[in-house]
N, C-alpha and C. Protein backbone atom coordinates (compact mmCIF):
# COMPACT_ATOMS: atom_id res chain seq x y z
N MET A 1 -65.86 -72.94 -45.85
CA MET A 1 -66.02 -72.95 -44.43
C MET A 1 -65.03 -72.10 -43.58
N TYR A 2 -65.20 -71.39 -43.01
CA TYR A 2 -64.22 -70.40 -42.34
C TYR A 2 -63.89 -70.40 -40.67
N LYS A 3 -63.27 -70.11 -40.14
CA LYS A 3 -63.08 -69.72 -38.64
C LYS A 3 -62.60 -68.70 -38.17
N ILE A 4 -62.73 -67.95 -37.33
CA ILE A 4 -62.54 -66.68 -36.72
C ILE A 4 -61.24 -67.23 -35.98
N LEU A 5 -60.03 -66.53 -35.79
CA LEU A 5 -58.99 -66.84 -35.03
C LEU A 5 -58.83 -65.83 -33.89
N GLU A 6 -58.22 -66.31 -33.11
CA GLU A 6 -57.71 -65.22 -32.08
C GLU A 6 -56.54 -64.40 -32.38
N HIS A 7 -56.53 -62.99 -31.92
CA HIS A 7 -55.27 -62.45 -32.34
C HIS A 7 -55.36 -61.20 -31.31
N SER A 8 -54.09 -60.75 -30.97
CA SER A 8 -53.93 -59.92 -29.75
C SER A 8 -54.16 -58.69 -30.34
N ALA A 9 -53.88 -58.24 -31.54
CA ALA A 9 -54.14 -56.35 -32.04
C ALA A 9 -55.10 -56.33 -33.32
N ASP A 10 -54.96 -57.72 -33.78
CA ASP A 10 -55.92 -57.40 -35.20
C ASP A 10 -56.77 -58.79 -35.19
N GLU A 11 -57.52 -58.47 -36.55
CA GLU A 11 -58.60 -59.73 -36.65
C GLU A 11 -58.08 -60.70 -37.51
N LYS A 12 -58.19 -61.92 -37.52
CA LYS A 12 -57.48 -62.92 -38.02
C LYS A 12 -58.65 -64.07 -38.01
N PHE A 13 -58.51 -64.73 -39.65
CA PHE A 13 -59.59 -65.76 -39.90
C PHE A 13 -58.78 -66.97 -40.73
N HIS A 14 -59.30 -67.79 -40.94
CA HIS A 14 -58.92 -68.99 -41.64
C HIS A 14 -60.36 -69.46 -42.71
N ALA A 15 -60.05 -69.03 -44.17
CA ALA A 15 -60.99 -69.38 -44.90
C ALA A 15 -60.67 -70.59 -45.90
N GLN A 16 -61.48 -71.08 -46.38
CA GLN A 16 -61.06 -72.41 -47.26
C GLN A 16 -62.45 -72.79 -48.21
N GLY A 17 -62.09 -73.42 -49.04
CA GLY A 17 -63.27 -73.96 -50.12
C GLY A 17 -62.69 -74.93 -50.96
N GLU A 18 -63.69 -75.65 -51.58
CA GLU A 18 -63.31 -76.66 -52.61
C GLU A 18 -62.59 -75.88 -53.84
N THR A 19 -63.12 -74.87 -54.42
CA THR A 19 -62.50 -74.09 -55.32
C THR A 19 -62.07 -72.54 -54.80
N ARG A 20 -61.55 -71.86 -55.92
CA ARG A 20 -61.12 -70.43 -55.68
C ARG A 20 -62.34 -69.69 -55.23
N GLU A 21 -63.16 -69.69 -55.81
CA GLU A 21 -64.42 -69.04 -55.81
C GLU A 21 -65.36 -69.35 -54.33
N GLU A 22 -65.26 -70.52 -54.49
CA GLU A 22 -65.68 -70.85 -52.81
C GLU A 22 -64.96 -70.34 -51.77
N ALA A 23 -63.58 -70.37 -51.90
CA ALA A 23 -62.66 -69.86 -50.90
C ALA A 23 -62.98 -68.21 -50.67
N PHE A 24 -63.33 -67.79 -51.90
CA PHE A 24 -63.27 -66.03 -51.69
C PHE A 24 -64.86 -66.19 -51.02
N GLU A 25 -65.82 -66.55 -51.25
CA GLU A 25 -67.24 -66.59 -50.89
C GLU A 25 -67.01 -66.69 -49.45
N GLU A 26 -66.37 -67.62 -48.70
CA GLU A 26 -65.98 -67.90 -47.23
C GLU A 26 -65.33 -66.58 -46.80
N VAL A 27 -64.04 -65.92 -47.75
CA VAL A 27 -63.51 -64.74 -47.07
C VAL A 27 -64.81 -63.89 -46.79
N VAL A 28 -65.54 -63.55 -47.70
CA VAL A 28 -66.62 -62.52 -47.56
C VAL A 28 -67.54 -62.92 -46.18
N GLU A 29 -67.94 -64.30 -46.18
CA GLU A 29 -68.57 -64.76 -44.84
C GLU A 29 -67.89 -64.25 -43.57
N ALA A 30 -66.50 -64.38 -43.54
CA ALA A 30 -65.85 -64.11 -42.19
C ALA A 30 -65.39 -62.75 -42.29
N PHE A 31 -65.44 -62.03 -43.25
CA PHE A 31 -64.91 -60.50 -43.20
C PHE A 31 -66.44 -60.01 -42.54
N ALA A 32 -67.45 -60.61 -42.99
CA ALA A 32 -68.94 -59.86 -42.79
C ALA A 32 -69.04 -59.98 -41.29
N GLU A 33 -68.72 -61.30 -40.75
CA GLU A 33 -68.81 -61.48 -39.30
C GLU A 33 -68.20 -60.64 -38.58
N ILE A 34 -66.79 -60.06 -38.77
CA ILE A 34 -65.60 -59.35 -38.04
C ILE A 34 -66.47 -58.23 -37.89
N VAL A 35 -66.82 -57.91 -38.85
CA VAL A 35 -67.54 -56.49 -39.16
C VAL A 35 -68.41 -56.37 -38.82
N GLY A 36 -69.40 -57.18 -38.69
CA GLY A 36 -70.91 -56.99 -38.35
C GLY A 36 -71.44 -56.72 -39.32
N GLY A 37 -71.33 -57.29 -40.18
CA GLY A 37 -72.54 -57.16 -41.93
C GLY A 37 -73.14 -58.09 -41.67
N GLN A 38 -73.66 -58.11 -43.03
CA GLN A 38 -74.44 -59.28 -43.13
C GLN A 38 -74.18 -59.93 -45.11
N THR A 39 -74.37 -60.71 -45.00
CA THR A 39 -73.70 -61.45 -46.57
C THR A 39 -75.23 -61.48 -47.51
N GLU A 40 -76.38 -61.58 -46.90
CA GLU A 40 -77.29 -61.26 -48.04
C GLU A 40 -78.05 -60.44 -47.37
N GLY A 41 -78.66 -59.56 -48.71
CA GLY A 41 -79.38 -58.35 -48.37
C GLY A 41 -80.13 -57.91 -49.58
N MET A 42 -80.72 -56.31 -49.66
CA MET A 42 -81.27 -56.00 -50.74
C MET A 42 -80.43 -55.38 -51.68
N TYR A 43 -78.97 -55.01 -51.90
CA TYR A 43 -78.14 -54.85 -52.60
C TYR A 43 -77.18 -55.68 -52.95
N THR A 44 -76.69 -55.63 -54.44
CA THR A 44 -75.52 -56.37 -55.02
C THR A 44 -74.62 -55.18 -55.17
N HIS A 45 -73.20 -55.47 -54.84
CA HIS A 45 -72.06 -54.91 -55.36
C HIS A 45 -71.27 -55.38 -56.27
N SER A 46 -70.93 -55.44 -57.67
CA SER A 46 -69.65 -56.21 -58.32
C SER A 46 -68.69 -55.75 -58.18
N PHE A 47 -67.52 -56.32 -58.28
CA PHE A 47 -66.08 -55.97 -58.71
C PHE A 47 -65.17 -56.79 -59.00
N GLU A 48 -64.31 -56.27 -59.74
CA GLU A 48 -63.22 -57.52 -60.51
C GLU A 48 -61.97 -56.71 -59.82
N VAL A 49 -61.26 -57.93 -59.52
CA VAL A 49 -59.81 -57.63 -58.89
C VAL A 49 -58.78 -58.54 -59.61
N GLU A 50 -57.57 -58.13 -60.07
CA GLU A 50 -56.85 -58.89 -60.77
C GLU A 50 -55.42 -58.72 -60.10
N ALA A 51 -54.64 -59.92 -60.50
CA ALA A 51 -53.44 -59.94 -59.59
C ALA A 51 -52.78 -60.94 -60.04
N ASN A 52 -51.44 -60.76 -59.95
CA ASN A 52 -50.34 -61.81 -60.64
C ASN A 52 -49.97 -63.04 -60.13
N THR A 53 -50.41 -62.84 -58.42
CA THR A 53 -50.53 -64.41 -57.71
C THR A 53 -51.75 -64.47 -56.69
N LEU A 54 -51.76 -65.46 -56.31
CA LEU A 54 -53.27 -65.45 -55.48
C LEU A 54 -52.99 -65.10 -54.05
N GLU A 55 -51.92 -64.79 -53.67
CA GLU A 55 -51.67 -63.99 -52.36
C GLU A 55 -52.26 -62.50 -52.52
N ALA A 56 -51.54 -62.04 -53.73
CA ALA A 56 -51.71 -60.76 -54.15
C ALA A 56 -53.32 -60.56 -54.44
N LEU A 57 -53.83 -61.74 -54.93
CA LEU A 57 -55.25 -61.44 -55.27
C LEU A 57 -56.57 -61.54 -54.38
N LEU A 58 -55.88 -62.16 -53.08
CA LEU A 58 -56.43 -62.34 -51.89
C LEU A 58 -56.39 -60.87 -51.01
N TYR A 59 -55.06 -60.33 -50.92
CA TYR A 59 -54.92 -59.02 -50.38
C TYR A 59 -55.60 -58.06 -50.97
N ASP A 60 -55.60 -57.88 -52.58
CA ASP A 60 -56.60 -56.94 -53.38
C ASP A 60 -57.96 -57.01 -53.08
N PHE A 61 -58.44 -58.26 -52.67
CA PHE A 61 -59.84 -58.29 -52.82
C PHE A 61 -60.03 -57.99 -51.44
N LEU A 62 -59.50 -58.16 -50.16
CA LEU A 62 -59.67 -57.82 -49.08
C LEU A 62 -59.67 -56.58 -48.89
N ASP A 63 -58.78 -55.88 -49.58
CA ASP A 63 -58.74 -54.32 -49.50
C ASP A 63 -59.99 -53.79 -50.01
N GLU A 64 -60.38 -54.45 -51.34
CA GLU A 64 -61.59 -53.75 -52.00
C GLU A 64 -62.87 -53.97 -50.74
N LEU A 65 -63.03 -55.38 -50.06
CA LEU A 65 -64.14 -55.20 -49.12
C LEU A 65 -63.93 -54.01 -48.11
N ILE A 66 -62.62 -53.77 -47.79
CA ILE A 66 -62.50 -52.93 -46.80
C ILE A 66 -62.80 -51.49 -47.03
N PHE A 67 -62.64 -51.17 -48.29
CA PHE A 67 -62.90 -50.05 -49.04
C PHE A 67 -64.66 -49.83 -48.95
N LEU A 68 -65.06 -50.93 -49.59
CA LEU A 68 -66.60 -51.04 -49.83
C LEU A 68 -67.35 -50.46 -48.05
N LYS A 69 -66.85 -51.37 -47.18
CA LYS A 69 -67.48 -51.44 -46.11
C LYS A 69 -67.29 -49.76 -45.66
N THR A 70 -66.16 -48.75 -45.82
CA THR A 70 -66.11 -47.68 -45.39
C THR A 70 -66.91 -46.94 -46.11
N LEU A 71 -67.66 -47.19 -47.12
CA LEU A 71 -68.78 -46.84 -47.98
C LEU A 71 -70.09 -47.10 -47.66
N LYS A 72 -69.98 -47.99 -46.23
CA LYS A 72 -71.18 -49.07 -45.88
C LYS A 72 -72.21 -49.57 -47.05
N VAL A 73 -71.64 -50.45 -48.03
CA VAL A 73 -72.25 -50.98 -49.13
C VAL A 73 -72.59 -52.35 -48.44
N SER A 74 -73.59 -52.73 -48.90
CA SER A 74 -74.38 -54.25 -48.58
C SER A 74 -73.37 -55.23 -48.84
N TRP A 75 -73.56 -56.01 -47.77
CA TRP A 75 -72.49 -57.15 -47.79
C TRP A 75 -72.71 -58.06 -48.92
N SER A 76 -73.85 -58.37 -49.85
CA SER A 76 -74.25 -59.33 -50.79
C SER A 76 -73.85 -58.78 -51.62
N LEU A 77 -72.43 -59.42 -52.02
CA LEU A 77 -71.61 -59.30 -52.83
C LEU A 77 -71.21 -60.19 -54.17
N MET A 78 -71.35 -59.80 -55.20
CA MET A 78 -71.44 -60.96 -56.37
C MET A 78 -69.90 -61.27 -56.88
N LEU A 79 -69.21 -62.54 -56.82
CA LEU A 79 -67.85 -62.50 -57.25
C LEU A 79 -67.75 -63.03 -58.39
N LYS A 80 -66.79 -62.40 -58.85
CA LYS A 80 -66.41 -62.81 -60.29
C LYS A 80 -64.74 -62.87 -60.37
N ILE A 81 -64.27 -64.35 -60.24
CA ILE A 81 -63.04 -64.16 -60.04
C ILE A 81 -62.63 -64.99 -61.29
């Protein structure tokens, strides 16, 4: 489950799931809604992110999503956490 939150300058959302994988899937859903993408499509893109803390993992994961958005990659993402 995710919720888009109001913010005066940036985009903001809250995402959660029963597992880490589900929470990160919700992050993708929220991010796609914010940038106007789709989470289901013809293409899949896989990537791996490693970090020492959960906060760093989320930051690096979002950084990768932003990078992929700049490349206009489809939002059907295969998560491997």
